[in-house]
Amino acid sequence: MSISLRHANEKDILAINAIYNEGGVGTTASYDLEPLTVENQTRWWEGVTGRSWWQ
């Protein structure tokens, strides 16, 4: 089995949001108690995409 990794991009925001809301809300993974909206996730995305620590 081969695995392919790539950096996420703007087209992935909906999937990121679904994964985050399923696994992060109400857990110690984030301490968020309510699911994030796609708009909130998009603002988060815009805030982190300019930082070099993840690229």
N, C-alpha and C. Protein backbone atom coordinates (compact mmCIF):
# COMPACT_ATOMS: atom_id res chain seq x y z
N MET A 1 0.84 -1.17 0.00
CA MET A 1 0.00 0.00 0.00
C MET A 1 0.89 1.23 0.00
N SER A 2 0.57 2.21 -0.84
CA SER A 2 1.36 3.42 -0.85
C SER A 2 0.52 4.58 -0.31
N ILE A 3 1.19 5.50 0.34
CA ILE A 3 0.54 6.66 0.93
C ILE A 3 1.10 7.91 0.27
N SER A 4 0.23 8.81 -0.05
CA SER A 4 0.63 10.08 -0.64
C SER A 4 0.22 11.21 0.29
N LEU A 5 1.15 12.08 0.60
CA LEU A 5 0.88 13.24 1.45
C LEU A 5 1.02 14.51 0.64
N ARG A 6 0.22 15.50 0.98
CA ARG A 6 0.34 16.80 0.34
C ARG A 6 -0.09 17.85 1.33
N HIS A 7 0.30 19.08 1.09
CA HIS A 7 -0.17 20.18 1.91
C HIS A 7 -1.64 20.41 1.61
N ALA A 8 -2.39 20.78 2.63
CA ALA A 8 -3.80 21.13 2.43
C ALA A 8 -3.87 22.44 1.66
N ASN A 9 -5.01 22.65 1.01
CA ASN A 9 -5.24 23.91 0.32
C ASN A 9 -6.67 24.37 0.58
N GLU A 10 -7.03 25.51 0.02
CA GLU A 10 -8.35 26.10 0.27
C GLU A 10 -9.49 25.16 -0.07
N LYS A 11 -9.29 24.31 -1.04
CA LYS A 11 -10.35 23.37 -1.44
C LYS A 11 -10.63 22.32 -0.36
N ASP A 12 -9.73 22.21 0.62
CA ASP A 12 -9.87 21.22 1.69
C ASP A 12 -10.61 21.74 2.92
N ILE A 13 -10.99 23.02 2.92
CA ILE A 13 -11.59 23.62 4.12
C ILE A 13 -12.84 22.87 4.57
N LEU A 14 -13.71 22.49 3.66
CA LEU A 14 -14.92 21.76 4.05
C LEU A 14 -14.59 20.43 4.73
N ALA A 15 -13.62 19.71 4.19
CA ALA A 15 -13.22 18.44 4.79
C ALA A 15 -12.54 18.65 6.13
N ILE A 16 -11.69 19.66 6.22
CA ILE A 16 -11.02 19.98 7.49
C ILE A 16 -12.07 20.30 8.54
N ASN A 17 -13.06 21.10 8.16
CA ASN A 17 -14.13 21.48 9.07
C ASN A 17 -14.90 20.26 9.57
N ALA A 18 -15.22 19.35 8.68
CA ALA A 18 -15.95 18.14 9.07
C ALA A 18 -15.13 17.27 10.02
N ILE A 19 -13.86 17.11 9.73
CA ILE A 19 -12.98 16.30 10.58
C ILE A 19 -12.82 16.97 11.94
N TYR A 20 -12.60 18.27 11.95
CA TYR A 20 -12.43 19.00 13.21
C TYR A 20 -13.68 18.90 14.06
N ASN A 21 -14.82 19.13 13.46
CA ASN A 21 -16.06 19.09 14.23
C ASN A 21 -16.38 17.69 14.76
N GLU A 22 -15.97 16.68 14.05
CA GLU A 22 -16.20 15.31 14.49
C GLU A 22 -15.25 14.90 15.62
N GLY A 23 -13.97 15.23 15.47
CA GLY A 23 -12.98 14.74 16.42
C GLY A 23 -12.47 15.74 17.44
N GLY A 24 -12.74 17.03 17.23
CA GLY A 24 -12.16 18.04 18.11
C GLY A 24 -13.12 18.70 19.06
N VAL A 25 -14.38 18.75 18.71
CA VAL A 25 -15.35 19.47 19.54
C VAL A 25 -15.73 18.64 20.76
N GLY A 26 -15.67 19.27 21.92
CA GLY A 26 -16.04 18.59 23.15
C GLY A 26 -14.99 17.62 23.67
N THR A 27 -13.78 17.74 23.17
CA THR A 27 -12.69 16.86 23.62
C THR A 27 -11.51 17.72 24.04
N THR A 28 -10.51 17.09 24.61
CA THR A 28 -9.31 17.82 24.97
C THR A 28 -8.43 18.14 23.77
N ALA A 29 -8.85 17.71 22.59
CA ALA A 29 -8.10 18.06 21.38
C ALA A 29 -8.18 19.55 21.09
N SER A 30 -9.30 20.18 21.49
CA SER A 30 -9.43 21.62 21.22
C SER A 30 -10.10 22.40 22.34
N TYR A 31 -10.88 21.75 23.13
CA TYR A 31 -11.69 22.37 24.17
C TYR A 31 -12.81 23.25 23.62
N ASP A 32 -13.04 23.24 22.31
CA ASP A 32 -14.21 23.92 21.75
C ASP A 32 -15.45 23.11 22.14
N LEU A 33 -16.51 23.80 22.52
CA LEU A 33 -17.72 23.12 22.93
C LEU A 33 -18.79 23.11 21.86
N GLU A 34 -18.65 23.96 20.86
CA GLU A 34 -19.60 24.04 19.75
C GLU A 34 -18.86 23.80 18.44
N PRO A 35 -19.50 23.16 17.48
CA PRO A 35 -18.87 22.97 16.18
C PRO A 35 -18.53 24.32 15.53
N LEU A 36 -17.44 24.35 14.79
CA LEU A 36 -17.08 25.54 14.04
C LEU A 36 -17.88 25.60 12.74
N THR A 37 -18.26 26.80 12.38
CA THR A 37 -18.90 26.98 11.08
C THR A 37 -17.82 26.98 10.00
N VAL A 38 -18.22 26.81 8.78
CA VAL A 38 -17.26 26.87 7.67
C VAL A 38 -16.64 28.27 7.62
N GLU A 39 -17.41 29.31 7.95
CA GLU A 39 -16.87 30.67 7.97
C GLU A 39 -15.77 30.81 9.02
N ASN A 40 -16.00 30.24 10.21
CA ASN A 40 -14.97 30.26 11.25
C ASN A 40 -13.74 29.49 10.82
N GLN A 41 -13.94 28.34 10.20
CA GLN A 41 -12.82 27.53 9.74
C GLN A 41 -12.04 28.25 8.65
N THR A 42 -12.75 28.98 7.79
CA THR A 42 -12.09 29.74 6.74
C THR A 42 -11.24 30.86 7.33
N ARG A 43 -11.74 31.55 8.35
CA ARG A 43 -10.95 32.59 9.01
C ARG A 43 -9.71 31.98 9.66
N TRP A 44 -9.87 30.80 10.28
CA TRP A 44 -8.72 30.10 10.85
C TRP A 44 -7.70 29.80 9.76
N TRP A 45 -8.20 29.29 8.63
CA TRP A 45 -7.32 28.95 7.50
C TRP A 45 -6.53 30.17 7.04
N GLU A 46 -7.23 31.27 6.87
CA GLU A 46 -6.57 32.50 6.42
C GLU A 46 -5.53 32.97 7.43
N GLY A 47 -5.77 32.71 8.71
CA GLY A 47 -4.81 33.11 9.73
C GLY A 47 -3.54 32.28 9.77
N VAL A 48 -3.63 31.01 9.40
CA VAL A 48 -2.44 30.15 9.48
C VAL A 48 -1.71 29.98 8.16
N THR A 49 -2.32 30.29 7.05
CA THR A 49 -1.65 30.01 5.77
C THR A 49 -0.46 30.92 5.51
N GLY A 50 -0.39 32.05 6.17
CA GLY A 50 0.76 32.94 5.97
C GLY A 50 1.94 32.62 6.86
N ARG A 51 1.79 31.70 7.79
CA ARG A 51 2.86 31.38 8.72
C ARG A 51 3.77 30.30 8.15
N SER A 52 5.07 30.49 8.31
CA SER A 52 6.03 29.55 7.71
C SER A 52 6.23 28.29 8.55
N TRP A 53 5.74 28.24 9.78
CA TRP A 53 5.99 27.07 10.65
C TRP A 53 5.36 25.80 10.14
N TRP A 54 4.36 25.89 9.31
CA TRP A 54 3.69 24.67 8.85
C TRP A 54 4.00 24.36 7.38
N GLN A 55 4.68 25.23 6.69
CA GLN A 55 4.95 25.00 5.26
C GLN A 55 6.29 24.38 5.05
